[in-house]
Amino acid sequence: MPEISRFLGVVISMYFDENNSPHFHVKYNEFRAVLSIRECNVLEGVLPGRVRGFVAEWAELHQAELLSMWDSKVFHKMDPLV
């Protein structure tokens, strides 16, 4: 699973061979979650509230880039939350 960003102990990745709606995967310590790109809601798993907020903020900033990456299946690193 290609890592596309890392910040504050959060690792954001995306599988390019999945056929579900556009989404990305989040790892934080022992927590795992899958979030939709468009609505930024948790589809699977659990994240601590504070981490969920950081990830939502990051995803909103990079939504167009995430959707483009999902559609093109072209991997590239993205800026962390700053």
N, C-alpha and C. Protein backbone atom coordinates (compact mmCIF):
# COMPACT_ATOMS: atom_id res chain seq x y z
N MET A 1 0.86 -1.17 0.00
CA MET A 1 0.00 0.00 0.00
C MET A 1 0.91 1.23 0.00
N PRO A 2 0.85 2.03 -1.04
CA PRO A 2 1.71 3.21 -1.10
C PRO A 2 1.35 4.25 -0.04
N GLU A 3 2.37 4.69 0.67
CA GLU A 3 2.21 5.76 1.64
C GLU A 3 2.20 7.08 0.88
N ILE A 4 1.17 7.89 1.09
CA ILE A 4 1.10 9.16 0.39
C ILE A 4 1.39 10.35 1.28
N SER A 5 1.29 10.18 2.60
CA SER A 5 1.64 11.27 3.51
C SER A 5 1.84 10.72 4.92
N ARG A 6 2.60 11.49 5.71
CA ARG A 6 2.87 11.11 7.10
C ARG A 6 3.00 12.41 7.90
N PHE A 7 2.29 12.48 9.02
CA PHE A 7 2.37 13.65 9.89
C PHE A 7 1.85 13.29 11.27
N LEU A 8 2.47 13.84 12.31
CA LEU A 8 2.02 13.68 13.70
C LEU A 8 1.78 12.21 14.08
N GLY A 9 2.56 11.30 13.53
CA GLY A 9 2.39 9.89 13.81
C GLY A 9 1.31 9.21 12.99
N VAL A 10 0.67 9.96 12.11
CA VAL A 10 -0.41 9.45 11.25
C VAL A 10 0.20 9.07 9.90
N VAL A 11 -0.16 7.90 9.40
CA VAL A 11 0.29 7.46 8.08
C VAL A 11 -0.94 7.33 7.18
N ILE A 12 -0.91 8.04 6.05
CA ILE A 12 -2.00 8.01 5.08
C ILE A 12 -1.54 7.19 3.88
N SER A 13 -2.36 6.21 3.49
CA SER A 13 -2.02 5.34 2.37
C SER A 13 -3.24 5.15 1.48
N MET A 14 -3.00 4.63 0.28
CA MET A 14 -4.09 4.36 -0.64
C MET A 14 -3.76 3.10 -1.43
N TYR A 15 -4.73 2.19 -1.51
CA TYR A 15 -4.61 1.02 -2.38
C TYR A 15 -5.15 1.42 -3.74
N PHE A 16 -4.40 1.14 -4.78
CA PHE A 16 -4.84 1.55 -6.11
C PHE A 16 -5.63 0.48 -6.84
N ASP A 17 -5.73 -0.71 -6.27
CA ASP A 17 -6.46 -1.78 -6.95
C ASP A 17 -7.83 -2.04 -6.31
N GLU A 18 -8.27 -1.18 -5.42
CA GLU A 18 -9.58 -1.34 -4.80
C GLU A 18 -10.64 -0.66 -5.65
N ASN A 19 -11.83 -1.26 -5.71
CA ASN A 19 -12.89 -0.74 -6.56
C ASN A 19 -14.00 -0.05 -5.79
N ASN A 20 -13.83 0.15 -4.52
CA ASN A 20 -14.85 0.83 -3.71
C ASN A 20 -14.91 2.30 -4.08
N SER A 21 -15.77 3.04 -3.41
CA SER A 21 -15.82 4.49 -3.62
C SER A 21 -14.47 5.08 -3.21
N PRO A 22 -14.12 6.26 -3.72
CA PRO A 22 -12.82 6.87 -3.42
C PRO A 22 -12.58 7.00 -1.91
N HIS A 23 -11.47 6.45 -1.44
CA HIS A 23 -11.16 6.45 -0.01
C HIS A 23 -9.66 6.33 0.20
N PHE A 24 -9.24 6.53 1.44
CA PHE A 24 -7.85 6.34 1.81
C PHE A 24 -7.79 5.66 3.18
N HIS A 25 -6.64 5.11 3.49
CA HIS A 25 -6.44 4.37 4.73
C HIS A 25 -5.58 5.19 5.68
N VAL A 26 -5.89 5.09 6.97
CA VAL A 26 -5.16 5.83 8.00
C VAL A 26 -4.68 4.85 9.06
N LYS A 27 -3.42 5.00 9.45
CA LYS A 27 -2.85 4.24 10.58
C LYS A 27 -2.34 5.24 11.60
N TYR A 28 -2.66 4.99 12.84
CA TYR A 28 -2.14 5.80 13.93
C TYR A 28 -1.99 4.87 15.13
N ASN A 29 -0.74 4.59 15.51
CA ASN A 29 -0.46 3.61 16.56
C ASN A 29 -1.22 2.33 16.27
N GLU A 30 -2.04 1.87 17.19
CA GLU A 30 -2.78 0.62 16.96
C GLU A 30 -4.12 0.83 16.24
N PHE A 31 -4.45 2.06 15.92
CA PHE A 31 -5.72 2.39 15.28
C PHE A 31 -5.60 2.32 13.76
N ARG A 32 -6.67 1.85 13.13
CA ARG A 32 -6.76 1.78 11.68
C ARG A 32 -8.14 2.26 11.28
N ALA A 33 -8.20 2.98 10.14
CA ALA A 33 -9.50 3.44 9.65
C ALA A 33 -9.42 3.65 8.14
N VAL A 34 -10.58 3.62 7.52
CA VAL A 34 -10.73 3.93 6.10
C VAL A 34 -11.68 5.12 6.04
N LEU A 35 -11.27 6.18 5.34
CA LEU A 35 -12.10 7.39 5.24
C LEU A 35 -12.44 7.68 3.79
N SER A 36 -13.66 8.13 3.55
CA SER A 36 -14.05 8.52 2.20
C SER A 36 -13.36 9.84 1.86
N ILE A 37 -13.03 10.00 0.61
CA ILE A 37 -12.37 11.23 0.18
C ILE A 37 -13.38 12.37 0.08
N ARG A 38 -14.54 12.11 -0.48
CA ARG A 38 -15.52 13.18 -0.71
C ARG A 38 -16.15 13.72 0.57
N GLU A 39 -16.62 12.83 1.44
CA GLU A 39 -17.31 13.26 2.66
C GLU A 39 -16.39 13.32 3.87
N CYS A 40 -15.23 12.68 3.76
CA CYS A 40 -14.25 12.64 4.85
C CYS A 40 -14.82 11.96 6.09
N ASN A 41 -15.74 11.02 5.88
CA ASN A 41 -16.28 10.28 7.02
C ASN A 41 -15.61 8.91 7.12
N VAL A 42 -15.64 8.35 8.32
CA VAL A 42 -15.03 7.04 8.57
C VAL A 42 -15.94 5.96 8.01
N LEU A 43 -15.39 5.15 7.09
CA LEU A 43 -16.14 4.05 6.50
C LEU A 43 -15.92 2.75 7.28
N GLU A 44 -14.72 2.59 7.82
CA GLU A 44 -14.37 1.40 8.61
C GLU A 44 -13.36 1.82 9.67
N GLY A 45 -13.37 1.12 10.78
CA GLY A 45 -12.35 1.32 11.80
C GLY A 45 -12.66 2.47 12.74
N VAL A 46 -11.63 2.81 13.52
CA VAL A 46 -11.76 3.83 14.57
C VAL A 46 -10.48 4.63 14.66
N LEU A 47 -10.62 5.92 14.90
CA LEU A 47 -9.49 6.81 15.20
C LEU A 47 -9.84 7.63 16.43
N PRO A 48 -8.85 7.97 17.26
CA PRO A 48 -9.13 8.89 18.36
C PRO A 48 -9.66 10.21 17.79
N GLY A 49 -10.54 10.87 18.52
CA GLY A 49 -11.17 12.09 18.05
C GLY A 49 -10.20 13.15 17.56
N ARG A 50 -9.16 13.39 18.32
CA ARG A 50 -8.18 14.42 17.95
C ARG A 50 -7.49 14.07 16.63
N VAL A 51 -7.12 12.81 16.47
CA VAL A 51 -6.47 12.35 15.24
C VAL A 51 -7.45 12.44 14.08
N ARG A 52 -8.68 12.06 14.33
CA ARG A 52 -9.73 12.15 13.30
C ARG A 52 -9.85 13.58 12.80
N GLY A 53 -9.76 14.55 13.71
CA GLY A 53 -9.82 15.96 13.33
C GLY A 53 -8.64 16.38 12.47
N PHE A 54 -7.43 15.93 12.84
CA PHE A 54 -6.24 16.25 12.03
C PHE A 54 -6.37 15.67 10.63
N VAL A 55 -6.82 14.43 10.56
CA VAL A 55 -6.95 13.75 9.27
C VAL A 55 -8.01 14.44 8.42
N ALA A 56 -9.13 14.82 9.02
CA ALA A 56 -10.19 15.51 8.28
C ALA A 56 -9.68 16.84 7.73
N GLU A 57 -8.93 17.57 8.54
CA GLU A 57 -8.37 18.85 8.09
C GLU A 57 -7.42 18.62 6.92
N TRP A 58 -6.54 17.64 7.03
CA TRP A 58 -5.59 17.33 5.96
C TRP A 58 -6.34 16.93 4.69
N ALA A 59 -7.35 16.06 4.82
CA ALA A 59 -8.10 15.57 3.66
C ALA A 59 -8.85 16.70 2.96
N GLU A 60 -9.40 17.62 3.71
CA GLU A 60 -10.10 18.75 3.11
C GLU A 60 -9.14 19.63 2.31
N LEU A 61 -7.94 19.81 2.83
CA LEU A 61 -6.94 20.60 2.12
C LEU A 61 -6.48 19.93 0.83
N HIS A 62 -6.50 18.61 0.80
CA HIS A 62 -5.96 17.85 -0.33
C HIS A 62 -7.02 17.07 -1.10
N GLN A 63 -8.28 17.41 -0.93
CA GLN A 63 -9.36 16.62 -1.53
C GLN A 63 -9.23 16.49 -3.04
N ALA A 64 -8.99 17.58 -3.74
CA ALA A 64 -8.87 17.52 -5.21
C ALA A 64 -7.70 16.65 -5.62
N GLU A 65 -6.60 16.77 -4.92
CA GLU A 65 -5.42 15.96 -5.23
C GLU A 65 -5.67 14.47 -4.94
N LEU A 66 -6.36 14.18 -3.85
CA LEU A 66 -6.70 12.80 -3.52
C LEU A 66 -7.61 12.18 -4.58
N LEU A 67 -8.62 12.93 -5.00
CA LEU A 67 -9.54 12.43 -6.04
C LEU A 67 -8.80 12.21 -7.35
N SER A 68 -7.92 13.12 -7.70
CA SER A 68 -7.13 12.97 -8.92
C SER A 68 -6.25 11.72 -8.85
N MET A 69 -5.63 11.50 -7.70
CA MET A 69 -4.78 10.33 -7.52
C MET A 69 -5.63 9.06 -7.62
N TRP A 70 -6.80 9.07 -7.00
CA TRP A 70 -7.69 7.90 -7.04
C TRP A 70 -8.07 7.58 -8.49
N ASP A 71 -8.45 8.61 -9.25
CA ASP A 71 -8.89 8.41 -10.63
C ASP A 71 -7.76 7.98 -11.56
N SER A 72 -6.60 8.56 -11.39
CA SER A 72 -5.48 8.28 -12.30
C SER A 72 -4.67 7.06 -11.89
N LYS A 73 -4.79 6.66 -10.64
CA LYS A 73 -4.01 5.53 -10.09
C LYS A 73 -2.50 5.81 -10.15
N VAL A 74 -2.15 7.09 -10.12
CA VAL A 74 -0.74 7.48 -10.14
C VAL A 74 -0.34 7.92 -8.74
N PHE A 75 0.64 7.24 -8.18
CA PHE A 75 1.12 7.49 -6.83
C PHE A 75 2.07 8.67 -6.77
N HIS A 76 1.93 9.50 -5.76
CA HIS A 76 2.92 10.52 -5.44
C HIS A 76 2.76 10.93 -3.97
N LYS A 77 3.83 11.40 -3.40
CA LYS A 77 3.80 11.87 -2.00
C LYS A 77 3.05 13.19 -1.94
N MET A 78 2.34 13.40 -0.84
CA MET A 78 1.60 14.64 -0.63
C MET A 78 2.13 15.35 0.60
N ASP A 79 1.95 16.65 0.65
CA ASP A 79 2.41 17.43 1.78
C ASP A 79 1.71 16.99 3.07
N PRO A 80 2.44 17.03 4.18
CA PRO A 80 1.80 16.72 5.46
C PRO A 80 0.95 17.89 5.93
N LEU A 81 0.26 17.69 7.00
CA LEU A 81 -0.51 18.77 7.63
C LEU A 81 0.49 19.71 8.28
N VAL A 82 0.42 20.98 7.92
CA VAL A 82 1.36 21.96 8.48
C VAL A 82 0.62 23.03 9.22
